[in-house]
Amino acid sequence: MTGCDIVEIEVEEPYSSVYNEVTARARQELDNDIRPALVTQVENIDEYDTLIVETPIWSSRLAPPVKSFLVIK
């Protein structure tokens, strides 16, 4: 609708499709403030005036891959 560019945030080590494995990894990342390494890079991000970030919420917190992308300390 907006005609905007869309970027998918992808981690270097993909998450498992096995429920118990992905939830264990998510819990470890959340509990230890681990920011997974990303494949995604936006070289010209400073050329954008507005960013719209959509993310799932993991256990009432921002998903670690999104924190990696936004470089939130």
PDB file of N, CA and C in Angstrom:
ATOM      1  N   MET A   1       0.802  -1.191   0.000  1.00  0.00           N
ATOM      2  CA  MET A   1       0.000   0.000   0.000  1.00  0.00           C
ATOM      3  C   MET A   1       0.852   1.265   0.000  1.00  0.00           C
ATOM      4  N   THR A   2       1.949   1.227   0.735  1.00  0.00           N
ATOM      5  CA  THR A   2       2.760   2.428   0.883  1.00  0.00           C
ATOM      6  C   THR A   2       3.789   2.583  -0.224  1.00  0.00           C
ATOM      7  N   GLY A   3       4.059   1.503  -0.948  1.00  0.00           N
ATOM      8  CA  GLY A   3       5.076   1.551  -1.986  1.00  0.00           C
ATOM      9  C   GLY A   3       6.480   1.599  -1.408  1.00  0.00           C
ATOM     10  N   CYS A   4       6.634   1.185  -0.167  1.00  0.00           N
ATOM     11  CA  CYS A   4       7.928   1.284   0.512  1.00  0.00           C
ATOM     12  C   CYS A   4       8.811   0.070   0.236  1.00  0.00           C
ATOM     13  N   ASP A   5      10.086   0.216   0.556  1.00  0.00           N
ATOM     14  CA  ASP A   5      11.011  -0.912   0.506  1.00  0.00           C
ATOM     15  C   ASP A   5      10.727  -1.809   1.695  1.00  0.00           C
ATOM     16  N   ILE A   6      10.900  -3.119   1.517  1.00  0.00           N
ATOM     17  CA  ILE A   6      10.679  -4.077   2.590  1.00  0.00           C
ATOM     18  C   ILE A   6      11.955  -4.890   2.771  1.00  0.00           C
ATOM     19  N   VAL A   7      12.390  -5.002   4.011  1.00  0.00           N
ATOM     20  CA  VAL A   7      13.582  -5.772   4.336  1.00  0.00           C
ATOM     21  C   VAL A   7      13.208  -6.798   5.393  1.00  0.00           C
ATOM     22  N   GLU A   8      13.550  -8.047   5.148  1.00  0.00           N
ATOM     23  CA  GLU A   8      13.308  -9.101   6.132  1.00  0.00           C
ATOM     24  C   GLU A   8      14.574  -9.269   6.967  1.00  0.00           C
ATOM     25  N   ILE A   9      14.423  -9.275   8.263  1.00  0.00           N
ATOM     26  CA  ILE A   9      15.561  -9.477   9.154  1.00  0.00           C
ATOM     27  C   ILE A   9      15.827 -10.977   9.236  1.00  0.00           C
ATOM     28  N   GLU A  10      17.033 -11.376   8.798  1.00  0.00           N
ATOM     29  CA  GLU A  10      17.402 -12.788   8.796  1.00  0.00           C
ATOM     30  C   GLU A  10      18.633 -13.007   9.659  1.00  0.00           C
ATOM     31  N   VAL A  11      18.591 -14.037  10.500  1.00  0.00           N
ATOM     32  CA  VAL A  11      19.727 -14.371  11.358  1.00  0.00           C
ATOM     33  C   VAL A  11      20.692 -15.291  10.621  1.00  0.00           C
ATOM     34  N   GLU A  12      21.976 -15.234  11.000  1.00  0.00           N
ATOM     35  CA  GLU A  12      22.978 -16.102  10.369  1.00  0.00           C
ATOM     36  C   GLU A  12      22.687 -17.570  10.649  1.00  0.00           C
ATOM     37  N   GLU A  13      22.324 -17.864  11.886  1.00  0.00           N
ATOM     38  CA  GLU A  13      21.978 -19.238  12.250  1.00  0.00           C
ATOM     39  C   GLU A  13      20.459 -19.335  12.345  1.00  0.00           C
ATOM     40  N   PRO A  14      19.820 -19.902  11.317  1.00  0.00           N
ATOM     41  CA  PRO A  14      18.345 -19.940  11.305  1.00  0.00           C
ATOM     42  C   PRO A  14      17.773 -20.670  12.521  1.00  0.00           C
ATOM     43  N   TYR A  15      16.586 -20.251  12.907  1.00  0.00           N
ATOM     44  CA  TYR A  15      15.888 -20.898  14.008  1.00  0.00           C
ATOM     45  C   TYR A  15      15.327 -22.229  13.544  1.00  0.00           C
ATOM     46  N   SER A  16      15.298 -23.185  14.464  1.00  0.00           N
ATOM     47  CA  SER A  16      14.762 -24.511  14.179  1.00  0.00           C
ATOM     48  C   SER A  16      13.265 -24.427  13.899  1.00  0.00           C
ATOM     49  N   SER A  17      12.765 -25.405  13.202  1.00  0.00           N
ATOM     50  CA  SER A  17      11.318 -25.500  13.005  1.00  0.00           C
ATOM     51  C   SER A  17      10.687 -26.421  14.057  1.00  0.00           C
ATOM     52  N   VAL A  18      11.510 -26.979  14.935  1.00  0.00           N
ATOM     53  CA  VAL A  18      11.035 -27.835  16.026  1.00  0.00           C
ATOM     54  C   VAL A  18      10.692 -26.935  17.213  1.00  0.00           C
ATOM     55  N   TYR A  19       9.458 -26.985  17.643  1.00  0.00           N
ATOM     56  CA  TYR A  19       8.940 -26.069  18.658  1.00  0.00           C
ATOM     57  C   TYR A  19       9.812 -26.000  19.909  1.00  0.00           C
ATOM     58  N   ASN A  20      10.118 -27.135  20.523  1.00  0.00           N
ATOM     59  CA  ASN A  20      10.890 -27.134  21.764  1.00  0.00           C
ATOM     60  C   ASN A  20      12.287 -26.551  21.564  1.00  0.00           C
ATOM     61  N   GLU A  21      12.884 -26.771  20.402  1.00  0.00           N
ATOM     62  CA  GLU A  21      14.217 -26.237  20.128  1.00  0.00           C
ATOM     63  C   GLU A  21      14.184 -24.716  19.959  1.00  0.00           C
ATOM     64  N   VAL A  22      13.209 -24.222  19.220  1.00  0.00           N
ATOM     65  CA  VAL A  22      13.146 -22.775  18.984  1.00  0.00           C
ATOM     66  C   VAL A  22      12.773 -22.031  20.260  1.00  0.00           C
ATOM     67  N   THR A  23      11.899 -22.600  21.069  1.00  0.00           N
ATOM     68  CA  THR A  23      11.545 -21.910  22.316  1.00  0.00           C
ATOM     69  C   THR A  23      12.707 -21.927  23.309  1.00  0.00           C
ATOM     70  N   ALA A  24      13.499 -23.001  23.325  1.00  0.00           N
ATOM     71  CA  ALA A  24      14.677 -23.055  24.201  1.00  0.00           C
ATOM     72  C   ALA A  24      15.703 -22.007  23.768  1.00  0.00           C
ATOM     73  N   ARG A  25      15.918 -21.890  22.467  1.00  0.00           N
ATOM     74  CA  ARG A  25      16.865 -20.886  21.974  1.00  0.00           C
ATOM     75  C   ARG A  25      16.362 -19.470  22.268  1.00  0.00           C
ATOM     76  N   ALA A  26      15.086 -19.252  22.048  1.00  0.00           N
ATOM     77  CA  ALA A  26      14.506 -17.932  22.321  1.00  0.00           C
ATOM     78  C   ALA A  26      14.649 -17.581  23.792  1.00  0.00           C
ATOM     79  N   ARG A  27      14.375 -18.522  24.674  1.00  0.00           N
ATOM     80  CA  ARG A  27      14.499 -18.282  26.115  1.00  0.00           C
ATOM     81  C   ARG A  27      15.940 -17.935  26.475  1.00  0.00           C
ATOM     82  N   GLN A  28      16.903 -18.668  25.917  1.00  0.00           N
ATOM     83  CA  GLN A  28      18.320 -18.403  26.195  1.00  0.00           C
ATOM     84  C   GLN A  28      18.710 -16.998  25.711  1.00  0.00           C
ATOM     85  N   GLU A  29      18.272 -16.628  24.510  1.00  0.00           N
ATOM     86  CA  GLU A  29      18.588 -15.302  23.973  1.00  0.00           C
ATOM     87  C   GLU A  29      17.966 -14.195  24.828  1.00  0.00           C
ATOM     88  N   LEU A  30      16.732 -14.392  25.239  1.00  0.00           N
ATOM     89  CA  LEU A  30      16.053 -13.385  26.046  1.00  0.00           C
ATOM     90  C   LEU A  30      16.676 -13.269  27.441  1.00  0.00           C
ATOM     91  N   ASP A  31      16.927 -14.404  28.087  1.00  0.00           N
ATOM     92  CA  ASP A  31      17.448 -14.396  29.448  1.00  0.00           C
ATOM     93  C   ASP A  31      18.872 -13.856  29.536  1.00  0.00           C
ATOM     94  N   ASN A  32      19.647 -14.037  28.471  1.00  0.00           N
ATOM     95  CA  ASN A  32      21.057 -13.639  28.490  1.00  0.00           C
ATOM     96  C   ASN A  32      21.346 -12.424  27.613  1.00  0.00           C
ATOM     97  N   ASP A  33      20.302 -11.765  27.155  1.00  0.00           N
ATOM     98  CA  ASP A  33      20.431 -10.594  26.289  1.00  0.00           C
ATOM     99  C   ASP A  33      21.370 -10.851  25.112  1.00  0.00           C
ATOM    100  N   ILE A  34      21.186 -11.998  24.481  1.00  0.00           N
ATOM    101  CA  ILE A  34      21.989 -12.384  23.323  1.00  0.00           C
ATOM    102  C   ILE A  34      21.381 -11.760  22.078  1.00  0.00           C
ATOM    103  N   ARG A  35      22.202 -11.120  21.293  1.00  0.00           N
ATOM    104  CA  ARG A  35      21.778 -10.517  20.025  1.00  0.00           C
ATOM    105  C   ARG A  35      22.342 -11.381  18.902  1.00  0.00           C
ATOM    106  N   PRO A  36      21.520 -12.161  18.233  1.00  0.00           N
ATOM    107  CA  PRO A  36      22.044 -13.049  17.197  1.00  0.00           C
ATOM    108  C   PRO A  36      22.636 -12.263  16.026  1.00  0.00           C
ATOM    109  N   ALA A  37      23.666 -12.840  15.440  1.00  0.00           N
ATOM    110  CA  ALA A  37      24.284 -12.227  14.262  1.00  0.00           C
ATOM    111  C   ALA A  37      23.292 -12.290  13.098  1.00  0.00           C
ATOM    112  N   LEU A  38      23.324 -11.252  12.287  1.00  0.00           N
ATOM    113  CA  LEU A  38      22.372 -11.142  11.184  1.00  0.00           C
ATOM    114  C   LEU A  38      23.037 -11.272   9.819  1.00  0.00           C
ATOM    115  N   VAL A  39      22.285 -11.800   8.882  1.00  0.00           N
ATOM    116  CA  VAL A  39      22.655 -11.784   7.477  1.00  0.00           C
ATOM    117  C   VAL A  39      22.236 -10.435   6.896  1.00  0.00           C
ATOM    118  N   THR A  40      21.131  -9.930   7.377  1.00  0.00           N
ATOM    119  CA  THR A  40      20.529  -8.693   6.881  1.00  0.00           C
ATOM    120  C   THR A  40      21.417  -7.490   7.141  1.00  0.00           C
ATOM    121  N   GLN A  41      21.629  -6.712   6.097  1.00  0.00           N
ATOM    122  CA  GLN A  41      22.365  -5.454   6.204  1.00  0.00           C
ATOM    123  C   GLN A  41      21.688  -4.459   5.271  1.00  0.00           C
ATOM    124  N   VAL A  42      21.502  -3.257   5.752  1.00  0.00           N
ATOM    125  CA  VAL A  42      20.951  -2.187   4.915  1.00  0.00           C
ATOM    126  C   VAL A  42      22.041  -1.129   4.807  1.00  0.00           C
ATOM    127  N   GLU A  43      22.737  -1.123   3.682  1.00  0.00           N
ATOM    128  CA  GLU A  43      23.891  -0.246   3.509  1.00  0.00           C
ATOM    129  C   GLU A  43      23.513   1.230   3.483  1.00  0.00           C
ATOM    130  N   ASN A  44      22.349   1.538   2.972  1.00  0.00           N
ATOM    131  CA  ASN A  44      21.958   2.946   2.790  1.00  0.00           C
ATOM    132  C   ASN A  44      20.864   3.378   3.759  1.00  0.00           C
ATOM    133  N   ILE A  45      20.882   2.845   4.962  1.00  0.00           N
ATOM    134  CA  ILE A  45      19.800   3.121   5.914  1.00  0.00           C
ATOM    135  C   ILE A  45      19.692   4.611   6.254  1.00  0.00           C
ATOM    136  N   ASP A  46      20.796   5.331   6.174  1.00  0.00           N
ATOM    137  CA  ASP A  46      20.768   6.759   6.498  1.00  0.00           C
ATOM    138  C   ASP A  46      20.042   7.590   5.443  1.00  0.00           C
ATOM    139  N   GLU A  47      19.700   6.976   4.322  1.00  0.00           N
ATOM    140  CA  GLU A  47      18.965   7.680   3.271  1.00  0.00           C
ATOM    141  C   GLU A  47      17.451   7.672   3.499  1.00  0.00           C
ATOM    142  N   TYR A  48      17.002   6.930   4.505  1.00  0.00           N
ATOM    143  CA  TYR A  48      15.574   6.846   4.804  1.00  0.00           C
ATOM    144  C   TYR A  48      15.184   7.885   5.845  1.00  0.00           C
ATOM    145  N   ASP A  49      14.044   8.512   5.639  1.00  0.00           N
ATOM    146  CA  ASP A  49      13.514   9.469   6.608  1.00  0.00           C
ATOM    147  C   ASP A  49      12.698   8.770   7.695  1.00  0.00           C
ATOM    148  N   THR A  50      12.045   7.676   7.331  1.00  0.00           N
ATOM    149  CA  THR A  50      11.152   6.969   8.244  1.00  0.00           C
ATOM    150  C   THR A  50      11.375   5.474   8.139  1.00  0.00           C
ATOM    151  N   LEU A  51      11.419   4.809   9.291  1.00  0.00           N
ATOM    152  CA  LEU A  51      11.485   3.350   9.339  1.00  0.00           C
ATOM    153  C   LEU A  51      10.251   2.847  10.069  1.00  0.00           C
ATOM    154  N   ILE A  52       9.608   1.866   9.510  1.00  0.00           N
ATOM    155  CA  ILE A  52       8.491   1.201  10.172  1.00  0.00           C
ATOM    156  C   ILE A  52       8.979  -0.213  10.466  1.00  0.00           C
ATOM    157  N   VAL A  53       9.055  -0.552  11.740  1.00  0.00           N
ATOM    158  CA  VAL A  53       9.564  -1.856  12.141  1.00  0.00           C
ATOM    159  C   VAL A  53       8.408  -2.655  12.721  1.00  0.00           C
ATOM    160  N   GLU A  54       8.158  -3.801  12.132  1.00  0.00           N
ATOM    161  CA  GLU A  54       7.136  -4.715  12.642  1.00  0.00           C
ATOM    162  C   GLU A  54       7.853  -5.916  13.221  1.00  0.00           C
ATOM    163  N   THR A  55       7.434  -6.330  14.385  1.00  0.00           N
ATOM    164  CA  THR A  55       8.122  -7.430  15.054  1.00  0.00           C
ATOM    165  C   THR A  55       7.162  -8.238  15.915  1.00  0.00           C
ATOM    166  N   PRO A  56       7.469  -9.531  16.053  1.00  0.00           N
ATOM    167  CA  PRO A  56       6.741 -10.285  17.070  1.00  0.00           C
ATOM    168  C   PRO A  56       7.275  -9.896  18.442  1.00  0.00           C
ATOM    169  N   ILE A  57       6.475 -10.092  19.453  1.00  0.00           N
ATOM    170  CA  ILE A  57       6.901  -9.872  20.832  1.00  0.00           C
ATOM    171  C   ILE A  57       7.135 -11.239  21.450  1.00  0.00           C
ATOM    172  N   TRP A  58       8.324 -11.430  21.988  1.00  0.00           N
ATOM    173  CA  TRP A  58       8.684 -12.706  22.597  1.00  0.00           C
ATOM    174  C   TRP A  58       8.645 -12.540  24.103  1.00  0.00           C
ATOM    175  N   SER A  59       7.726 -13.214  24.749  1.00  0.00           N
ATOM    176  CA  SER A  59       7.636 -13.187  26.210  1.00  0.00           C
ATOM    177  C   SER A  59       7.614 -11.752  26.737  1.00  0.00           C
ATOM    178  N   SER A  60       6.782 -10.942  26.117  1.00  0.00           N
ATOM    179  CA  SER A  60       6.591  -9.526  26.472  1.00  0.00           C
ATOM    180  C   SER A  60       7.808  -8.646  26.191  1.00  0.00           C
ATOM    181  N   ARG A  61       8.719  -9.121  25.337  1.00  0.00           N
ATOM    182  CA  ARG A  61       9.929  -8.352  25.017  1.00  0.00           C
ATOM    183  C   ARG A  61      10.162  -8.322  23.509  1.00  0.00           C
ATOM    184  N   LEU A  62      10.974  -7.360  23.099  1.00  0.00           N
ATOM    185  CA  LEU A  62      11.350  -7.228  21.698  1.00  0.00           C
ATOM    186  C   LEU A  62      12.164  -8.447  21.279  1.00  0.00           C
ATOM    187  N   ALA A  63      11.885  -9.004  20.123  1.00  0.00           N
ATOM    188  CA  ALA A  63      12.606 -10.179  19.635  1.00  0.00           C
ATOM    189  C   ALA A  63      14.097  -9.858  19.464  1.00  0.00           C
ATOM    190  N   PRO A  64      14.991 -10.738  19.936  1.00  0.00           N
ATOM    191  CA  PRO A  64      16.422 -10.491  19.841  1.00  0.00           C
ATOM    192  C   PRO A  64      16.938 -10.153  18.436  1.00  0.00           C
ATOM    193  N   PRO A  65      16.453 -10.792  17.363  1.00  0.00           N
ATOM    194  CA  PRO A  65      16.947 -10.392  16.043  1.00  0.00           C
ATOM    195  C   PRO A  65      16.616  -8.929  15.710  1.00  0.00           C
ATOM    196  N   VAL A  66      15.496  -8.452  16.182  1.00  0.00           N
ATOM    197  CA  VAL A  66      15.136  -7.055  15.943  1.00  0.00           C
ATOM    198  C   VAL A  66      16.043  -6.133  16.752  1.00  0.00           C
ATOM    199  N   LYS A  67      16.373  -6.535  17.976  1.00  0.00           N
ATOM    200  CA  LYS A  67      17.322  -5.757  18.771  1.00  0.00           C
ATOM    201  C   LYS A  67      18.673  -5.699  18.081  1.00  0.00           C
ATOM    202  N   SER A  68      19.091  -6.804  17.475  1.00  0.00           N
ATOM    203  CA  SER A  68      20.356  -6.810  16.725  1.00  0.00           C
ATOM    204  C   SER A  68      20.279  -5.842  15.564  1.00  0.00           C
ATOM    205  N   PHE A  69      19.166  -5.848  14.862  1.00  0.00           N
ATOM    206  CA  PHE A  69      19.003  -4.976  13.696  1.00  0.00           C
ATOM    207  C   PHE A  69      19.015  -3.500  14.082  1.00  0.00           C
ATOM    208  N   LEU A  70      18.338  -3.192  15.179  1.00  0.00           N
ATOM    209  CA  LEU A  70      18.236  -1.804  15.617  1.00  0.00           C
ATOM    210  C   LEU A  70      19.423  -1.368  16.477  1.00  0.00           C
ATOM    211  N   VAL A  71      20.267  -2.314  16.857  1.00  0.00           N
ATOM    212  CA  VAL A  71      21.440  -2.065  17.702  1.00  0.00           C
ATOM    213  C   VAL A  71      21.019  -1.352  18.992  1.00  0.00           C
ATOM    214  N   ILE A  72      20.056  -1.943  19.667  1.00  0.00           N
ATOM    215  CA  ILE A  72      19.576  -1.417  20.946  1.00  0.00           C
ATOM    216  C   ILE A  72      20.471  -1.970  22.041  1.00  0.00           C
ATOM    217  N   LYS A  73      20.963  -1.100  22.875  1.00  0.00           N
ATOM    218  CA  LYS A  73      21.857  -1.508  23.978  1.00  0.00           C
ATOM    219  C   LYS A  73      21.055  -1.891  25.199  1.00  0.00           C
TER     220      LYS A  73
END
